[in-house]
């Protein structure tokens, strides 16, 4: 096992159980990375816009730098109420403006995660337009950003180099997620957007900037509590055969199709199929122009309030893994073993 700062990057194959939502019978996980964000009270809140950020998540940059933060000192310098969020939740008059100034909140150290273990006090804090208490602008004064995206650093992304022919693979992404209840400030949105992020040689394959994003509304599951988010991603990649005789290049294109399944607390909440080969699919045409690796990773985002995003949200134990799918013969043996066990009990 090798470590990159506080990021556990697991190089050897490890089978690990997961909750039943995203996995089919007999499937296991080979964990590639799990981001736990260090020790409470140590370090600082900075997520560097760098491919080698020690916490494994970086600011995407579509909405500017240094907008997402590491949550590590909720009982001290990041205690509830020490920050304000300038929130754009209305544009009915035309131009958007800051409709609410909201006091920040956060999960308590020792609060229970979905699996019953205790929160250790460190997490990814996704929020935008954060100011020190009593300094946030209001109305049309300006100063509030359009949103925030945190994405996996290069060290924690999946890197696939297309080979001639068609290959399939299935990956698993998960995180504990906590969304504070800000209903005391009004009827505010309670959702966030989740990727995954895709690029080829640095060129994003979904908009904005490679992320895309599916909307997850946490009010359906309960606020001020930890929940489990899971995503199953089934990839089909066809690598171009650059050696064949095809002067116009029609055949010589890499292609990528992905089917995504999103779960909260083991319940399927959304699914989508993305064809990342189409030029009309944001910047998907880039995949046809480069032979370099396809890079895939976790990404979480907030937009403006009037676009449906919450003021803030927290993520912990962000996990990336390969789903190991048993061969049909193995499944047959498991089934036979189950039948034998039933007969023995009878």
C-alpha atoms as a PDB file:
ATOM      1  CA  UNK A   1       0.000   0.000   0.000  1.00  0.00           C
ATOM      2  CA  UNK A   2       1.382   3.435  -0.817  1.00  0.00           C
ATOM      3  CA  UNK A   3       0.200   6.773   0.559  1.00  0.00           C
ATOM      4  CA  UNK A   4      -0.019  10.205  -1.011  1.00  0.00           C
ATOM      5  CA  UNK A   5      -0.299  12.548   1.957  1.00  0.00           C
ATOM      6  CA  UNK A   6      -3.630  11.751   3.565  1.00  0.00           C
ATOM      7  CA  UNK A   7      -4.825   9.793   0.550  1.00  0.00           C
ATOM      8  CA  UNK A   8      -4.706   6.043   0.870  1.00  0.00           C
ATOM      9  CA  UNK A   9      -3.929   4.777  -2.638  1.00  0.00           C
ATOM     10  CA  UNK A  10      -4.230   1.023  -2.548  1.00  0.00           C
ATOM     11  CA  UNK A  11      -1.981  -0.550  -5.143  1.00  0.00           C
ATOM     12  CA  UNK A  12      -2.599  -4.185  -4.342  1.00  0.00           C
ATOM     13  CA  UNK A  13      -5.865  -5.983  -5.034  1.00  0.00           C
ATOM     14  CA  UNK A  14      -8.190  -5.921  -2.063  1.00  0.00           C
ATOM     15  CA  UNK A  15     -11.645  -7.429  -2.015  1.00  0.00           C
ATOM     16  CA  UNK A  16     -13.989  -5.329   0.076  1.00  0.00           C
ATOM     17  CA  UNK A  17     -17.711  -5.535   0.748  1.00  0.00           C
ATOM     18  CA  UNK A  18     -20.062  -2.693  -0.125  1.00  0.00           C
ATOM     19  CA  UNK A  19     -23.686  -1.997   0.542  1.00  0.00           C
ATOM     20  CA  UNK A  20     -26.069  -3.900  -1.692  1.00  0.00           C
ATOM     21  CA  UNK A  21     -27.339  -0.938  -3.683  1.00  0.00           C
ATOM     22  CA  UNK A  22     -24.659  -0.671  -6.363  1.00  0.00           C
ATOM     23  CA  UNK A  23     -23.456  -4.279  -6.439  1.00  0.00           C
ATOM     24  CA  UNK A  24     -25.035  -7.364  -7.932  1.00  0.00           C
ATOM     25  CA  UNK A  25     -24.864 -10.796  -6.336  1.00  0.00           C
ATOM     26  CA  UNK A  26     -21.324 -12.171  -6.153  1.00  0.00           C
ATOM     27  CA  UNK A  27     -19.602  -8.895  -7.061  1.00  0.00           C
ATOM     28  CA  UNK A  28     -16.798  -7.464  -4.929  1.00  0.00           C
ATOM     29  CA  UNK A  29     -14.696  -4.313  -4.918  1.00  0.00           C
ATOM     30  CA  UNK A  30     -11.005  -3.810  -5.603  1.00  0.00           C
ATOM     31  CA  UNK A  31     -10.472  -0.473  -3.876  1.00  0.00           C
ATOM     32  CA  UNK A  32      -8.242   1.982  -5.721  1.00  0.00           C
ATOM     33  CA  UNK A  33      -8.444   4.963  -3.346  1.00  0.00           C
ATOM     34  CA  UNK A  34     -10.330   6.158  -0.284  1.00  0.00           C
ATOM     35  CA  UNK A  35     -10.099   9.819   0.704  1.00  0.00           C
ATOM     36  CA  UNK A  36     -10.452  10.525   4.421  1.00  0.00           C
ATOM     37  CA  UNK A  37      -9.046  14.099   4.616  1.00  0.00           C
ATOM     38  CA  UNK A  38      -6.475  13.676   7.363  1.00  0.00           C
ATOM     39  CA  UNK A  39      -6.783  14.300  11.091  1.00  0.00           C
ATOM     40  CA  UNK A  40      -9.099  16.759  12.802  1.00  0.00           C
ATOM     41  CA  UNK A  41      -7.362  19.922  13.944  1.00  0.00           C
ATOM     42  CA  UNK A  42      -4.303  19.359  11.743  1.00  0.00           C
ATOM     43  CA  UNK A  43      -3.375  21.203   8.551  1.00  0.00           C
ATOM     44  CA  UNK A  44      -5.637  23.792   7.007  1.00  0.00           C
ATOM     45  CA  UNK A  45      -8.733  24.179   4.838  1.00  0.00           C
ATOM     46  CA  UNK A  46      -7.002  24.652   1.490  1.00  0.00           C
ATOM     47  CA  UNK A  47      -7.739  22.432  -1.504  1.00  0.00           C
ATOM     48  CA  UNK A  48      -5.038  23.369  -3.967  1.00  0.00           C
ATOM     49  CA  UNK A  49      -5.923  23.660  -7.666  1.00  0.00           C
ATOM     50  CA  UNK A  50      -3.186  21.096  -8.302  1.00  0.00           C
ATOM     51  CA  UNK A  51      -3.124  17.606  -9.766  1.00  0.00           C
ATOM     52  CA  UNK A  52      -1.245  16.359  -6.696  1.00  0.00           C
ATOM     53  CA  UNK A  53      -3.309  17.880  -3.912  1.00  0.00           C
ATOM     54  CA  UNK A  54      -2.571  15.864  -0.742  1.00  0.00           C
ATOM     55  CA  UNK A  55      -6.271  15.441   0.070  1.00  0.00           C
ATOM     56  CA  UNK A  56      -7.068  13.776  -3.281  1.00  0.00           C
ATOM     57  CA  UNK A  57      -9.686  16.346  -4.361  1.00  0.00           C
ATOM     58  CA  UNK A  58      -8.956  19.582  -6.210  1.00  0.00           C
ATOM     59  CA  UNK A  59     -10.913  22.632  -7.236  1.00  0.00           C
ATOM     60  CA  UNK A  60     -12.135  22.115 -10.779  1.00  0.00           C
ATOM     61  CA  UNK A  61     -11.609  25.699 -11.869  1.00  0.00           C
ATOM     62  CA  UNK A  62     -14.791  26.232 -13.904  1.00  0.00           C
ATOM     63  CA  UNK A  63     -16.006  28.653 -11.240  1.00  0.00           C
ATOM     64  CA  UNK A  64     -12.595  29.899 -10.088  1.00  0.00           C
ATOM     65  CA  UNK A  65     -10.034  28.572  -7.618  1.00  0.00           C
ATOM     66  CA  UNK A  66     -10.061  28.010  -3.860  1.00  0.00           C
ATOM     67  CA  UNK A  67     -13.848  27.699  -3.557  1.00  0.00           C
ATOM     68  CA  UNK A  68     -14.093  24.191  -2.108  1.00  0.00           C
ATOM     69  CA  UNK A  69     -12.516  23.537   1.252  1.00  0.00           C
ATOM     70  CA  UNK A  70     -11.284  20.898   3.629  1.00  0.00           C
ATOM     71  CA  UNK A  71     -13.457  20.713   6.751  1.00  0.00           C
ATOM     72  CA  UNK A  72     -11.196  19.889   9.700  1.00  0.00           C
ATOM     73  CA  UNK A  73     -11.918  22.185  12.648  1.00  0.00           C
ATOM     74  CA  UNK A  74     -15.675  22.287  13.224  1.00  0.00           C
ATOM     75  CA  UNK A  75     -15.186  22.884  16.941  1.00  0.00           C
ATOM     76  CA  UNK A  76     -12.837  25.812  16.399  1.00  0.00           C
ATOM     77  CA  UNK A  77     -11.946  27.913  13.371  1.00  0.00           C
ATOM     78  CA  UNK A  78     -14.755  26.380  11.253  1.00  0.00           C
ATOM     79  CA  UNK A  79     -17.434  26.250  13.951  1.00  0.00           C
ATOM     80  CA  UNK A  80     -21.040  26.901  12.861  1.00  0.00           C
ATOM     81  CA  UNK A  81     -21.762  30.591  12.473  1.00  0.00           C
ATOM     82  CA  UNK A  82     -18.175  31.710  11.879  1.00  0.00           C
ATOM     83  CA  UNK A  83     -18.834  31.969   8.136  1.00  0.00           C
ATOM     84  CA  UNK A  84     -21.621  33.335   5.955  1.00  0.00           C
ATOM     85  CA  UNK A  85     -22.784  32.057   2.579  1.00  0.00           C
ATOM     86  CA  UNK A  86     -23.944  34.661   0.062  1.00  0.00           C
ATOM     87  CA  UNK A  87     -26.663  32.723  -1.712  1.00  0.00           C
ATOM     88  CA  UNK A  88     -28.194  33.516  -5.101  1.00  0.00           C
ATOM     89  CA  UNK A  89     -31.631  31.911  -4.897  1.00  0.00           C
ATOM     90  CA  UNK A  90     -33.722  34.224  -7.059  1.00  0.00           C
ATOM     91  CA  UNK A  91     -33.505  35.844 -10.469  1.00  0.00           C
ATOM     92  CA  UNK A  92     -37.192  36.558 -10.998  1.00  0.00           C
ATOM     93  CA  UNK A  93     -36.417  40.225 -11.619  1.00  0.00           C
ATOM     94  CA  UNK A  94     -33.992  39.368 -14.427  1.00  0.00           C
ATOM     95  CA  UNK A  95     -30.394  39.628 -13.288  1.00  0.00           C
ATOM     96  CA  UNK A  96     -29.383  37.287 -10.488  1.00  0.00           C
ATOM     97  CA  UNK A  97     -28.664  38.733  -7.073  1.00  0.00           C
ATOM     98  CA  UNK A  98     -27.833  37.592  -3.538  1.00  0.00           C
ATOM     99  CA  UNK A  99     -31.199  36.798  -2.003  1.00  0.00           C
ATOM    100  CA  UNK A 100     -30.000  35.234   1.277  1.00  0.00           C
ATOM    101  CA  UNK A 101     -27.013  35.553   3.595  1.00  0.00           C
ATOM    102  CA  UNK A 102     -26.860  32.283   5.539  1.00  0.00           C
ATOM    103  CA  UNK A 103     -24.783  31.231   8.551  1.00  0.00           C
ATOM    104  CA  UNK A 104     -22.621  28.177   7.854  1.00  0.00           C
ATOM    105  CA  UNK A 105     -23.233  24.856   9.586  1.00  0.00           C
ATOM    106  CA  UNK A 106     -21.465  21.502   9.656  1.00  0.00           C
ATOM    107  CA  UNK A 107     -21.575  17.920  10.927  1.00  0.00           C
ATOM    108  CA  UNK A 108     -20.640  17.341  14.551  1.00  0.00           C
ATOM    109  CA  UNK A 109     -17.601  15.267  15.432  1.00  0.00           C
ATOM    110  CA  UNK A 110     -18.882  11.891  16.572  1.00  0.00           C
ATOM    111  CA  UNK A 111     -22.097  12.047  14.548  1.00  0.00           C
ATOM    112  CA  UNK A 112     -22.954   8.668  13.062  1.00  0.00           C
ATOM    113  CA  UNK A 113     -22.166   7.811   9.456  1.00  0.00           C
ATOM    114  CA  UNK A 114     -24.482   5.552   7.456  1.00  0.00           C
ATOM    115  CA  UNK A 115     -22.591   2.420   8.509  1.00  0.00           C
ATOM    116  CA  UNK A 116     -22.847   3.321  12.196  1.00  0.00           C
ATOM    117  CA  UNK A 117     -19.247   4.451  12.675  1.00  0.00           C
ATOM    118  CA  UNK A 118     -18.465   7.907  14.053  1.00  0.00           C
ATOM    119  CA  UNK A 119     -17.508  10.933  11.963  1.00  0.00           C
ATOM    120  CA  UNK A 120     -13.878  11.801  12.736  1.00  0.00           C
ATOM    121  CA  UNK A 121     -14.231  15.537  12.093  1.00  0.00           C
ATOM    122  CA  UNK A 122     -12.637  15.836   8.629  1.00  0.00           C
ATOM    123  CA  UNK A 123     -14.394  15.988   5.258  1.00  0.00           C
ATOM    124  CA  UNK A 124     -14.656  17.804   1.943  1.00  0.00           C
ATOM    125  CA  UNK A 125     -16.670  21.003   2.464  1.00  0.00           C
ATOM    126  CA  UNK A 126     -18.315  22.024  -0.786  1.00  0.00           C
ATOM    127  CA  UNK A 127     -19.661  25.553  -0.609  1.00  0.00           C
ATOM    128  CA  UNK A 128     -19.365  28.698  -2.647  1.00  0.00           C
ATOM    129  CA  UNK A 129     -19.518  32.394  -1.855  1.00  0.00           C
ATOM    130  CA  UNK A 130     -18.247  31.878   1.703  1.00  0.00           C
ATOM    131  CA  UNK A 131     -17.260  34.922   3.735  1.00  0.00           C
ATOM    132  CA  UNK A 132     -16.195  35.569   7.306  1.00  0.00           C
ATOM    133  CA  UNK A 133     -19.128  36.339   9.596  1.00  0.00           C
ATOM    134  CA  UNK A 134     -20.664  39.777   9.100  1.00  0.00           C
ATOM    135  CA  UNK A 135     -18.744  40.454   5.872  1.00  0.00           C
ATOM    136  CA  UNK A 136     -20.916  38.839   3.164  1.00  0.00           C
ATOM    137  CA  UNK A 137     -22.362  41.131   0.471  1.00  0.00           C
ATOM    138  CA  UNK A 138     -26.097  41.220  -0.188  1.00  0.00           C
ATOM    139  CA  UNK A 139     -28.499  42.149  -2.953  1.00  0.00           C
ATOM    140  CA  UNK A 140     -26.794  43.191  -6.161  1.00  0.00           C
ATOM    141  CA  UNK A 141     -23.546  44.209  -4.466  1.00  0.00           C
ATOM    142  CA  UNK A 142     -21.760  41.376  -6.269  1.00  0.00           C
ATOM    143  CA  UNK A 143     -18.966  39.266  -4.865  1.00  0.00           C
ATOM    144  CA  UNK A 144     -20.766  35.911  -4.921  1.00  0.00           C
ATOM    145  CA  UNK A 145     -19.475  33.174  -7.189  1.00  0.00           C
ATOM    146  CA  UNK A 146     -21.537  31.189  -9.679  1.00  0.00           C
ATOM    147  CA  UNK A 147     -20.757  27.805  -8.144  1.00  0.00           C
ATOM    148  CA  UNK A 148     -18.109  25.333  -7.064  1.00  0.00           C
ATOM    149  CA  UNK A 149     -16.851  21.940  -8.271  1.00  0.00           C
ATOM    150  CA  UNK A 150     -14.411  19.636  -6.497  1.00  0.00           C
ATOM    151  CA  UNK A 151     -12.968  16.775  -8.544  1.00  0.00           C
ATOM    152  CA  UNK A 152     -10.565  13.885  -8.045  1.00  0.00           C
ATOM    153  CA  UNK A 153      -6.905  14.773  -8.465  1.00  0.00           C
ATOM    154  CA  UNK A 154      -4.834  13.014 -11.117  1.00  0.00           C
ATOM    155  CA  UNK A 155      -3.480  10.690  -8.424  1.00  0.00           C
ATOM    156  CA  UNK A 156      -6.955   9.381  -7.603  1.00  0.00           C
ATOM    157  CA  UNK A 157      -8.461   9.284 -11.090  1.00  0.00           C
ATOM    158  CA  UNK A 158      -8.871   6.157 -13.215  1.00  0.00           C
ATOM    159  CA  UNK A 159      -6.670   6.259 -16.332  1.00  0.00           C
ATOM    160  CA  UNK A 160      -7.634   4.088 -19.309  1.00  0.00           C
ATOM    161  CA  UNK A 161      -5.649   3.995 -22.561  1.00  0.00           C
ATOM    162  CA  UNK A 162      -7.961   2.756 -25.356  1.00  0.00           C
ATOM    163  CA  UNK A 163      -6.706  -0.338 -27.188  1.00  0.00           C
ATOM    164  CA  UNK A 164      -7.929  -1.591 -30.571  1.00  0.00           C
ATOM    165  CA  UNK A 165     -11.156  -3.487 -30.101  1.00  0.00           C
ATOM    166  CA  UNK A 166     -13.917  -3.201 -27.515  1.00  0.00           C
ATOM    167  CA  UNK A 167     -13.403  -3.546 -23.771  1.00  0.00           C
ATOM    168  CA  UNK A 168     -15.846  -3.222 -20.888  1.00  0.00           C
ATOM    169  CA  UNK A 169     -15.245  -2.358 -17.256  1.00  0.00           C
ATOM    170  CA  UNK A 170     -17.387  -1.364 -14.304  1.00  0.00           C
ATOM    171  CA  UNK A 171     -16.368   1.039 -11.538  1.00  0.00           C
ATOM    172  CA  UNK A 172     -17.775   2.051  -8.176  1.00  0.00           C
ATOM    173  CA  UNK A 173     -17.727   5.487  -6.559  1.00  0.00           C
ATOM    174  CA  UNK A 174     -19.112   6.273  -3.117  1.00  0.00           C
ATOM    175  CA  UNK A 175     -19.064   8.869  -0.354  1.00  0.00           C
ATOM    176  CA  UNK A 176     -20.695   9.654   2.937  1.00  0.00           C
ATOM    177  CA  UNK A 177     -22.720  12.837   2.413  1.00  0.00           C
ATOM    178  CA  UNK A 178     -24.117  15.335   4.929  1.00  0.00           C
ATOM    179  CA  UNK A 179     -26.340  18.259   3.988  1.00  0.00           C
ATOM    180  CA  UNK A 180     -27.173  20.821   6.689  1.00  0.00           C
ATOM    181  CA  UNK A 181     -30.766  21.948   7.183  1.00  0.00           C
ATOM    182  CA  UNK A 182     -31.009  25.649   6.328  1.00  0.00           C
ATOM    183  CA  UNK A 183     -34.815  25.828   6.348  1.00  0.00           C
ATOM    184  CA  UNK A 184     -34.604  28.446   9.097  1.00  0.00           C
ATOM    185  CA  UNK A 185     -33.378  30.829   6.380  1.00  0.00           C
ATOM    186  CA  UNK A 186     -36.280  30.104   4.037  1.00  0.00           C
ATOM    187  CA  UNK A 187     -37.377  27.605   1.416  1.00  0.00           C
ATOM    188  CA  UNK A 188     -33.932  26.838  -0.004  1.00  0.00           C
ATOM    189  CA  UNK A 189     -32.772  24.093  -2.390  1.00  0.00           C
ATOM    190  CA  UNK A 190     -31.361  20.892  -0.919  1.00  0.00           C
ATOM    191  CA  UNK A 191     -29.511  19.277  -3.807  1.00  0.00           C
ATOM    192  CA  UNK A 192     -26.037  18.850  -5.283  1.00  0.00           C
ATOM    193  CA  UNK A 193     -24.644  17.656  -8.599  1.00  0.00           C
ATOM    194  CA  UNK A 194     -22.417  14.634  -9.052  1.00  0.00           C
ATOM    195  CA  UNK A 195     -20.288  13.577 -12.033  1.00  0.00           C
ATOM    196  CA  UNK A 196     -18.269  11.561 -12.759  1.00  0.00           C
ATOM    197  CA  UNK A 197     -15.636  13.744 -14.369  1.00  0.00           C
ATOM    198  CA  UNK A 198     -14.242  12.679 -17.774  1.00  0.00           C
ATOM    199  CA  UNK A 199     -11.417  14.043 -19.870  1.00  0.00           C
ATOM    200  CA  UNK A 200      -9.061  12.877 -22.596  1.00  0.00           C
ATOM    201  CA  UNK A 201      -5.595  14.437 -22.464  1.00  0.00           C
ATOM    202  CA  UNK A 202      -7.078  17.215 -20.313  1.00  0.00           C
ATOM    203  CA  UNK A 203     -10.002  18.036 -22.611  1.00  0.00           C
ATOM    204  CA  UNK A 204     -13.303  17.640 -20.751  1.00  0.00           C
ATOM    205  CA  UNK A 205     -15.883  15.299 -22.262  1.00  0.00           C
ATOM    206  CA  UNK A 206     -18.901  16.743 -20.464  1.00  0.00           C
ATOM    207  CA  UNK A 207     -19.999  20.296 -19.697  1.00  0.00           C
ATOM    208  CA  UNK A 208     -19.099  22.140 -17.530  1.00  0.00           C
ATOM    209  CA  UNK A 209     -15.446  21.291 -18.032  1.00  0.00           C
ATOM    210  CA  UNK A 210     -15.767  17.513 -18.136  1.00  0.00           C
ATOM    211  CA  UNK A 211     -18.172  16.996 -15.253  1.00  0.00           C
ATOM    212  CA  UNK A 212     -21.710  16.810 -16.579  1.00  0.00           C
ATOM    213  CA  UNK A 213     -23.670  16.191 -13.451  1.00  0.00           C
ATOM    214  CA  UNK A 214     -26.766  14.449 -12.125  1.00  0.00           C
ATOM    215  CA  UNK A 215     -28.884  16.241  -9.536  1.00  0.00           C
ATOM    216  CA  UNK A 216     -29.394  14.538  -6.157  1.00  0.00           C
ATOM    217  CA  UNK A 217     -31.996  16.026  -3.790  1.00  0.00           C
ATOM    218  CA  UNK A 218     -31.068  15.168  -0.218  1.00  0.00           C
ATOM    219  CA  UNK A 219     -34.359  16.400   1.250  1.00  0.00           C
ATOM    220  CA  UNK A 220     -35.803  13.078   0.105  1.00  0.00           C
ATOM    221  CA  UNK A 221     -33.571  11.281   2.604  1.00  0.00           C
ATOM    222  CA  UNK A 222     -33.228  13.690   5.527  1.00  0.00           C
ATOM    223  CA  UNK A 223     -31.091  16.712   6.330  1.00  0.00           C
ATOM    224  CA  UNK A 224     -28.684  17.163   9.243  1.00  0.00           C
ATOM    225  CA  UNK A 225     -27.745  13.484   8.961  1.00  0.00           C
ATOM    226  CA  UNK A 226     -25.140  11.353   7.187  1.00  0.00           C
ATOM    227  CA  UNK A 227     -26.185   9.289   4.181  1.00  0.00           C
ATOM    228  CA  UNK A 228     -24.414   6.965   1.766  1.00  0.00           C
ATOM    229  CA  UNK A 229     -24.049   8.001  -1.870  1.00  0.00           C
ATOM    230  CA  UNK A 230     -23.037   5.319  -4.402  1.00  0.00           C
ATOM    231  CA  UNK A 231     -22.527   5.384  -8.158  1.00  0.00           C
ATOM    232  CA  UNK A 232     -22.068   2.413 -10.481  1.00  0.00           C
ATOM    233  CA  UNK A 233     -20.445   3.242 -13.839  1.00  0.00           C
ATOM    234  CA  UNK A 234     -20.427   0.672 -16.658  1.00  0.00           C
ATOM    235  CA  UNK A 235     -18.001   1.592 -19.453  1.00  0.00           C
ATOM    236  CA  UNK A 236     -17.734   0.319 -23.005  1.00  0.00           C
ATOM    237  CA  UNK A 237     -14.622   1.610 -24.776  1.00  0.00           C
ATOM    238  CA  UNK A 238     -13.750   0.885 -28.389  1.00  0.00           C
ATOM    239  CA  UNK A 239     -10.204   1.778 -29.335  1.00  0.00           C
ATOM    240  CA  UNK A 240      -9.480   2.885 -32.879  1.00  0.00           C
ATOM    241  CA  UNK A 241      -7.299   0.782 -35.149  1.00  0.00           C
ATOM    242  CA  UNK A 242      -5.103   3.518 -36.569  1.00  0.00           C
ATOM    243  CA  UNK A 243      -3.417   1.085 -38.940  1.00  0.00           C
ATOM    244  CA  UNK A 244      -6.440   0.278 -41.098  1.00  0.00           C
ATOM    245  CA  UNK A 245      -7.004   1.812 -44.524  1.00  0.00           C
ATOM    246  CA  UNK A 246      -9.488   4.579 -43.822  1.00  0.00           C
ATOM    247  CA  UNK A 247      -8.408   7.841 -45.479  1.00  0.00           C
ATOM    248  CA  UNK A 248     -11.334   9.910 -44.201  1.00  0.00           C
ATOM    249  CA  UNK A 249     -10.865   8.773 -40.600  1.00  0.00           C
ATOM    250  CA  UNK A 250     -14.472   7.644 -40.092  1.00  0.00           C
ATOM    251  CA  UNK A 251     -13.454   4.286 -38.632  1.00  0.00           C
ATOM    252  CA  UNK A 252     -10.396   5.560 -36.816  1.00  0.00           C
ATOM    253  CA  UNK A 253     -12.105   6.936 -33.730  1.00  0.00           C
ATOM    254  CA  UNK A 254     -12.057   5.985 -30.095  1.00  0.00           C
ATOM    255  CA  UNK A 255     -15.557   5.667 -28.661  1.00  0.00           C
ATOM    256  CA  UNK A 256     -16.858   5.673 -25.111  1.00  0.00           C
ATOM    257  CA  UNK A 257     -20.296   4.787 -23.799  1.00  0.00           C
ATOM    258  CA  UNK A 258     -21.124   4.808 -20.091  1.00  0.00           C
ATOM    259  CA  UNK A 259     -24.240   3.804 -18.173  1.00  0.00           C
ATOM    260  CA  UNK A 260     -24.511   5.303 -14.693  1.00  0.00           C
ATOM    261  CA  UNK A 261     -26.615   4.225 -11.731  1.00  0.00           C
ATOM    262  CA  UNK A 262     -26.933   6.555  -8.715  1.00  0.00           C
ATOM    263  CA  UNK A 263     -27.945   5.359  -5.235  1.00  0.00           C
ATOM    264  CA  UNK A 264     -28.616   7.038  -1.902  1.00  0.00           C
ATOM    265  CA  UNK A 265     -28.858   4.770   1.130  1.00  0.00           C
ATOM    266  CA  UNK A 266     -28.915   1.738  -1.193  1.00  0.00           C
ATOM    267  CA  UNK A 267     -31.941   3.074  -3.112  1.00  0.00           C
ATOM    268  CA  UNK A 268     -31.668   3.740  -6.859  1.00  0.00           C
ATOM    269  CA  UNK A 269     -32.483   7.420  -7.407  1.00  0.00           C
ATOM    270  CA  UNK A 270     -31.361   8.054 -10.992  1.00  0.00           C
ATOM    271  CA  UNK A 271     -29.675   6.498 -14.004  1.00  0.00           C
ATOM    272  CA  UNK A 272     -28.335   7.768 -17.304  1.00  0.00           C
ATOM    273  CA  UNK A 273     -26.495   6.622 -20.411  1.00  0.00           C
ATOM    274  CA  UNK A 274     -23.950   9.011 -21.893  1.00  0.00           C
ATOM    275  CA  UNK A 275     -22.588   8.710 -25.412  1.00  0.00           C
ATOM    276  CA  UNK A 276     -19.306  10.566 -25.155  1.00  0.00           C
ATOM    277  CA  UNK A 277     -18.554  10.208 -28.863  1.00  0.00           C
ATOM    278  CA  UNK A 278     -21.017  12.762 -30.140  1.00  0.00           C
ATOM    279  CA  UNK A 279     -19.829  16.266 -30.915  1.00  0.00           C
ATOM    280  CA  UNK A 280     -23.221  17.531 -29.773  1.00  0.00           C
ATOM    281  CA  UNK A 281     -22.633  16.066 -26.299  1.00  0.00           C
ATOM    282  CA  UNK A 282     -20.780  19.079 -24.884  1.00  0.00           C
ATOM    283  CA  UNK A 283     -17.127  18.563 -25.824  1.00  0.00           C
ATOM    284  CA  UNK A 284     -17.444  14.840 -26.496  1.00  0.00           C
ATOM    285  CA  UNK A 285     -15.833  15.132 -29.916  1.00  0.00           C
ATOM    286  CA  UNK A 286     -12.423  15.422 -28.226  1.00  0.00           C
ATOM    287  CA  UNK A 287     -12.422  11.680 -27.681  1.00  0.00           C
ATOM    288  CA  UNK A 288     -12.204  11.188 -31.448  1.00  0.00           C
ATOM    289  CA  UNK A 289      -9.141  13.383 -31.837  1.00  0.00           C
ATOM    290  CA  UNK A 290      -6.666  12.033 -29.277  1.00  0.00           C
ATOM    291  CA  UNK A 291      -5.090   8.665 -28.524  1.00  0.00           C
ATOM    292  CA  UNK A 292      -4.126   9.460 -24.935  1.00  0.00           C
ATOM    293  CA  UNK A 293      -5.665   8.119 -21.757  1.00  0.00           C
ATOM    294  CA  UNK A 294      -9.286   8.646 -20.816  1.00  0.00           C
ATOM    295  CA  UNK A 295      -9.271  10.020 -17.255  1.00  0.00           C
ATOM    296  CA  UNK A 296     -12.235   9.400 -14.973  1.00  0.00           C
ATOM    297  CA  UNK A 297     -12.864  10.475 -11.396  1.00  0.00           C
ATOM    298  CA  UNK A 298     -15.330  11.548  -8.756  1.00  0.00           C
ATOM    299  CA  UNK A 299     -16.715  15.095  -9.012  1.00  0.00           C
ATOM    300  CA  UNK A 300     -19.232  16.954  -6.848  1.00  0.00           C
ATOM    301  CA  UNK A 301     -20.662  20.363  -7.621  1.00  0.00           C
ATOM    302  CA  UNK A 302     -22.885  23.188  -6.441  1.00  0.00           C
ATOM    303  CA  UNK A 303     -24.341  25.828  -8.723  1.00  0.00           C
ATOM    304  CA  UNK A 304     -26.400  28.880  -7.786  1.00  0.00           C
ATOM    305  CA  UNK A 305     -29.413  28.477  -5.555  1.00  0.00           C
ATOM    306  CA  UNK A 306     -31.844  29.385  -8.323  1.00  0.00           C
ATOM    307  CA  UNK A 307     -30.350  26.492 -10.309  1.00  0.00           C
ATOM    308  CA  UNK A 308     -31.317  24.058  -7.535  1.00  0.00           C
ATOM    309  CA  UNK A 309     -28.118  23.758  -5.508  1.00  0.00           C
ATOM    310  CA  UNK A 310     -27.921  23.897  -1.723  1.00  0.00           C
ATOM    311  CA  UNK A 311     -25.778  26.435   0.144  1.00  0.00           C
ATOM    312  CA  UNK A 312     -23.287  23.797   1.327  1.00  0.00           C
ATOM    313  CA  UNK A 313     -22.702  20.040   1.559  1.00  0.00           C
ATOM    314  CA  UNK A 314     -20.047  17.751   3.101  1.00  0.00           C
ATOM    315  CA  UNK A 315     -18.477  14.548   1.747  1.00  0.00           C
ATOM    316  CA  UNK A 316     -16.264  12.003   3.508  1.00  0.00           C
ATOM    317  CA  UNK A 317     -14.662   8.619   2.769  1.00  0.00           C
ATOM    318  CA  UNK A 318     -14.748   9.246  -0.974  1.00  0.00           C
ATOM    319  CA  UNK A 319     -14.028   5.840  -2.522  1.00  0.00           C
ATOM    320  CA  UNK A 320     -13.104   4.698  -6.023  1.00  0.00           C
ATOM    321  CA  UNK A 321     -13.000   0.987  -6.849  1.00  0.00           C
ATOM    322  CA  UNK A 322     -13.133  -1.515  -9.676  1.00  0.00           C
ATOM    323  CA  UNK A 323     -16.163  -3.790  -9.479  1.00  0.00           C
ATOM    324  CA  UNK A 324     -15.024  -7.394  -9.866  1.00  0.00           C
ATOM    325  CA  UNK A 325     -17.716  -9.291 -11.736  1.00  0.00           C
ATOM    326  CA  UNK A 326     -17.499 -13.087 -11.306  1.00  0.00           C
ATOM    327  CA  UNK A 327     -17.270 -15.268 -14.388  1.00  0.00           C
ATOM    328  CA  UNK A 328     -20.454 -17.185 -15.318  1.00  0.00           C
ATOM    329  CA  UNK A 329     -18.794 -20.457 -14.297  1.00  0.00           C
ATOM    330  CA  UNK A 330     -18.089 -19.044 -10.847  1.00  0.00           C
ATOM    331  CA  UNK A 331     -21.695 -17.959 -10.476  1.00  0.00           C
ATOM    332  CA  UNK A 332     -22.845 -21.441 -11.482  1.00  0.00           C
ATOM    333  CA  UNK A 333     -20.615 -22.974  -8.807  1.00  0.00           C
ATOM    334  CA  UNK A 334     -21.975 -20.565  -6.213  1.00  0.00           C
ATOM    335  CA  UNK A 335     -25.520 -21.468  -7.206  1.00  0.00           C
ATOM    336  CA  UNK A 336     -24.751 -25.202  -6.986  1.00  0.00           C
ATOM    337  CA  UNK A 337     -23.147 -24.666  -3.606  1.00  0.00           C
ATOM    338  CA  UNK A 338     -26.283 -22.894  -2.416  1.00  0.00           C
ATOM    339  CA  UNK A 339     -28.491 -25.757  -3.620  1.00  0.00           C
ATOM    340  CA  UNK A 340     -26.272 -28.306  -1.864  1.00  0.00           C
ATOM    341  CA  UNK A 341     -26.505 -26.326   1.354  1.00  0.00           C
ATOM    342  CA  UNK A 342     -30.301 -26.212   1.108  1.00  0.00           C
ATOM    343  CA  UNK A 343     -30.476 -29.983   0.548  1.00  0.00           C
ATOM    344  CA  UNK A 344     -28.182 -30.586   3.524  1.00  0.00           C
ATOM    345  CA  UNK A 345     -30.458 -28.479   5.731  1.00  0.00           C
ATOM    346  CA  UNK A 346     -33.498 -30.460   4.603  1.00  0.00           C
END
